[in-house]
C-alpha cells in the first residue's frame, strides 16, 4: 500500500505577486494527490494538449484530485500526471493542504500487465521506488 503524506502550505500575501511563485511548476511523484485549497485560489494546471495554464477555481467543501508520476508509470502512460503550480495573492493569505498517496519506497513500480492491449509494449521499466 505504501503511505499517505499530508503537507500544509501557507502562502502569505505578496504586494507584487508577479515577481514570486508560491510553488514552481511540477508534477507530483505520488500515485494520486487529493488537494484541499481555501477560497483564495491560486492553483493552476497545464493542459496536456496545447500547454495552456488554467486556474482551478476552488469550490467550497471540495477536493481537487490529480494523478501523479507513479500512476502514470503503473498505467503505462495511459493516465498522465498533471503539471501544476501555485500562485500567491497580493492581499490574501493562501492555504493549501495536499494529501499524497504513494507506494512504499521498497516496492517495485512499473506498468501493470493489465495495461497492455493488443501487444502494446511497456513505456517504462520496472524499478525500485526509492531509485525513481
Protein backbone atom coordinates (compact mmCIF):
# COMPACT_ATOMS: atom_id res chain seq x y z
CA UNK A 1 0.00 0.00 0.00
CA UNK A 2 2.68 2.48 0.89
CA UNK A 3 1.93 5.67 2.73
CA UNK A 4 -0.13 8.80 2.71
CA UNK A 5 1.71 12.05 3.36
CA UNK A 6 -0.01 15.31 4.15
CA UNK A 7 1.51 18.73 3.68
CA UNK A 8 0.19 22.08 4.84
CA UNK A 9 1.28 25.05 2.75
CA UNK A 10 0.91 28.65 3.88
CA UNK A 11 1.43 31.40 1.33
CA UNK A 12 1.47 34.90 2.84
CA UNK A 13 0.21 37.82 0.73
CA UNK A 14 2.73 39.40 -1.61
CA UNK A 15 2.21 43.03 -2.70
CA UNK A 16 3.66 42.18 -6.12
CA UNK A 17 2.73 38.55 -6.89
CA UNK A 18 4.10 38.78 -10.44
CA UNK A 19 7.65 38.58 -9.05
CA UNK A 20 7.18 35.43 -6.97
CA UNK A 21 5.75 31.93 -7.15
CA UNK A 22 4.10 30.01 -4.34
CA UNK A 23 5.31 26.70 -5.76
CA UNK A 24 7.04 26.33 -9.11
CA UNK A 25 5.59 24.21 -11.91
CA UNK A 26 5.93 20.48 -11.23
CA UNK A 27 4.24 17.08 -11.32
CA UNK A 28 3.73 15.18 -8.09
CA UNK A 29 5.66 11.96 -7.56
CA UNK A 30 2.60 10.37 -5.94
CA UNK A 31 0.04 7.93 -7.33
CA UNK A 32 -2.81 10.31 -6.56
CA UNK A 33 -2.93 13.70 -4.86
CA UNK A 34 -6.02 14.97 -3.06
CA UNK A 35 -5.88 18.73 -2.54
CA UNK A 36 -7.94 20.93 -0.28
CA UNK A 37 -7.46 24.59 -1.09
CA UNK A 38 -9.02 27.56 0.63
CA UNK A 39 -11.23 30.06 -1.19
CA UNK A 40 -8.30 32.30 -2.20
CA UNK A 41 -7.46 30.12 -5.19
CA UNK A 42 -4.10 30.09 -6.92
CA UNK A 43 -3.82 26.53 -8.24
CA UNK A 44 -3.03 26.38 -11.96
CA UNK A 45 -2.82 23.24 -14.11
CA UNK A 46 -1.25 22.92 -17.55
CA UNK A 47 -3.35 21.28 -20.23
CA UNK A 48 -1.92 18.10 -21.76
CA UNK A 49 -2.72 19.35 -25.25
CA UNK A 50 -1.80 22.91 -26.08
CA UNK A 51 0.10 23.66 -22.90
CA UNK A 52 -2.19 26.45 -21.67
CA UNK A 53 -2.40 27.16 -17.93
CA UNK A 54 -5.88 27.01 -16.39
CA UNK A 55 -6.85 28.37 -12.99
CA UNK A 56 -8.64 25.78 -10.83
CA UNK A 57 -11.39 27.73 -9.13
CA UNK A 58 -11.82 26.48 -5.57
CA UNK A 59 -15.25 25.08 -4.75
CA UNK A 60 -16.20 25.20 -1.09
CA UNK A 61 -16.03 21.74 0.53
CA UNK A 62 -14.44 20.06 -2.50
CA UNK A 63 -11.12 18.40 -3.23
CA UNK A 64 -9.03 18.68 -6.38
CA UNK A 65 -7.86 15.20 -7.38
CA UNK A 66 -4.98 14.68 -9.75
CA UNK A 67 -2.69 11.94 -10.94
CA UNK A 68 1.00 11.78 -10.10
CA UNK A 69 4.02 10.22 -11.78
CA UNK A 70 3.67 6.82 -10.08
CA UNK A 71 0.21 6.22 -11.53
CA UNK A 72 1.46 7.40 -14.92
CA UNK A 73 4.15 4.71 -14.78
CA UNK A 74 1.79 1.99 -13.47
CA UNK A 75 -0.77 2.78 -16.19
CA UNK A 76 1.94 2.62 -18.90
CA UNK A 77 1.29 6.27 -19.81
CA UNK A 78 -2.48 5.78 -20.17
CA UNK A 79 -3.07 8.26 -17.33
CA UNK A 80 -0.94 11.41 -17.38
CA UNK A 81 0.49 13.17 -14.36
CA UNK A 82 -0.68 16.77 -14.29
CA UNK A 83 1.76 19.65 -14.29
CA UNK A 84 0.68 22.37 -11.89
CA UNK A 85 1.90 25.37 -9.89
CA UNK A 86 0.61 27.52 -7.05
CA UNK A 87 0.45 31.31 -7.16
CA UNK A 88 0.32 33.78 -4.29
CA UNK A 89 -2.25 36.54 -3.87
CA UNK A 90 -1.48 40.24 -3.47
CA UNK A 91 -3.70 40.78 -0.44
CA UNK A 92 -4.91 37.43 0.93
CA UNK A 93 -3.28 34.50 2.66
CA UNK A 94 -3.50 31.24 0.71
CA UNK A 95 -3.57 27.83 2.37
CA UNK A 96 -3.49 24.51 0.59
CA UNK A 97 -3.39 21.02 2.10
CA UNK A 98 -2.39 18.21 -0.27
CA UNK A 99 -2.58 14.53 0.67
CA UNK A 100 -0.18 12.38 -1.34
CA UNK A 101 -0.92 8.66 -1.81
CA UNK A 102 2.39 6.93 -2.60
CA UNK A 103 3.80 3.43 -2.74
CA UNK A 104 6.38 2.33 -0.18
CA UNK A 105 9.98 3.14 -1.09
CA UNK A 106 10.94 -0.56 -1.16
CA UNK A 107 8.22 -1.53 -3.65
CA UNK A 108 8.87 -2.21 -7.32
CA UNK A 109 6.98 0.14 -9.61
CA UNK A 110 6.33 -0.38 -13.28
CA UNK A 111 3.49 -0.82 -15.75
CA UNK A 112 0.72 -3.19 -14.66
CA UNK A 113 0.42 -6.14 -17.12
CA UNK A 114 -3.33 -5.42 -17.42
CA UNK A 115 -2.46 -2.13 -19.14
CA UNK A 116 -1.01 -3.81 -22.25
CA UNK A 117 -3.60 -4.02 -25.01
CA UNK A 118 -3.00 -5.96 -28.26
CA UNK A 119 0.76 -6.40 -27.94
CA UNK A 120 1.40 -2.95 -26.53
CA UNK A 121 4.97 -2.53 -25.25
CA UNK A 122 5.91 -1.10 -21.84
CA UNK A 123 6.84 2.58 -21.86
CA UNK A 124 8.65 2.30 -18.52
CA UNK A 125 10.97 -0.26 -16.93
CA UNK A 126 10.29 -1.74 -13.50
CA UNK A 127 12.37 -0.03 -10.81
CA UNK A 128 12.53 0.24 -7.04
CA UNK A 129 10.50 3.25 -5.96
CA UNK A 130 13.44 4.59 -3.92
CA UNK A 131 15.56 4.59 -7.11
CA UNK A 132 12.96 6.52 -9.12
